[in-house]
């Protein structure tokens, strides 16, 4: 439908919608927690990462159902990284929360790395 009216290929419009949904989710989190500086920092870095994803070989292939993860996982990595950097650790509870954030960061990074590596290995 967008091809006929706006002359925008479906793959590009779908990817823009996926990136927009991820950024809208981060913006909603930032609006719900106005005192969290890390979410605002994470939003701007996620915006830069999402724009950068459009210039990678990941967008040279046809759009798929898992396209949301191409944008959601880097955004999760950026927001968790900003959260880890800004999270104050003053007691053992704060340390355990930071450790869980680091674990989430590692899991998101490994999953994103697998998302990038598997299609490259399959096509060879």
Foldseek 3Di string as FASTA:
>chain_A
DCCVPVVDDPLVVVLVVLLVVLLVVLVVVCVVPVVDPLSVVLSVVLVVVSVVLVVDCVSVDGDDPCSSLLSNLVSLLSSLVSCLVPQDDDDVVSVVVSVVSVVSNVVSVVVNVCVVPVVVVVVD
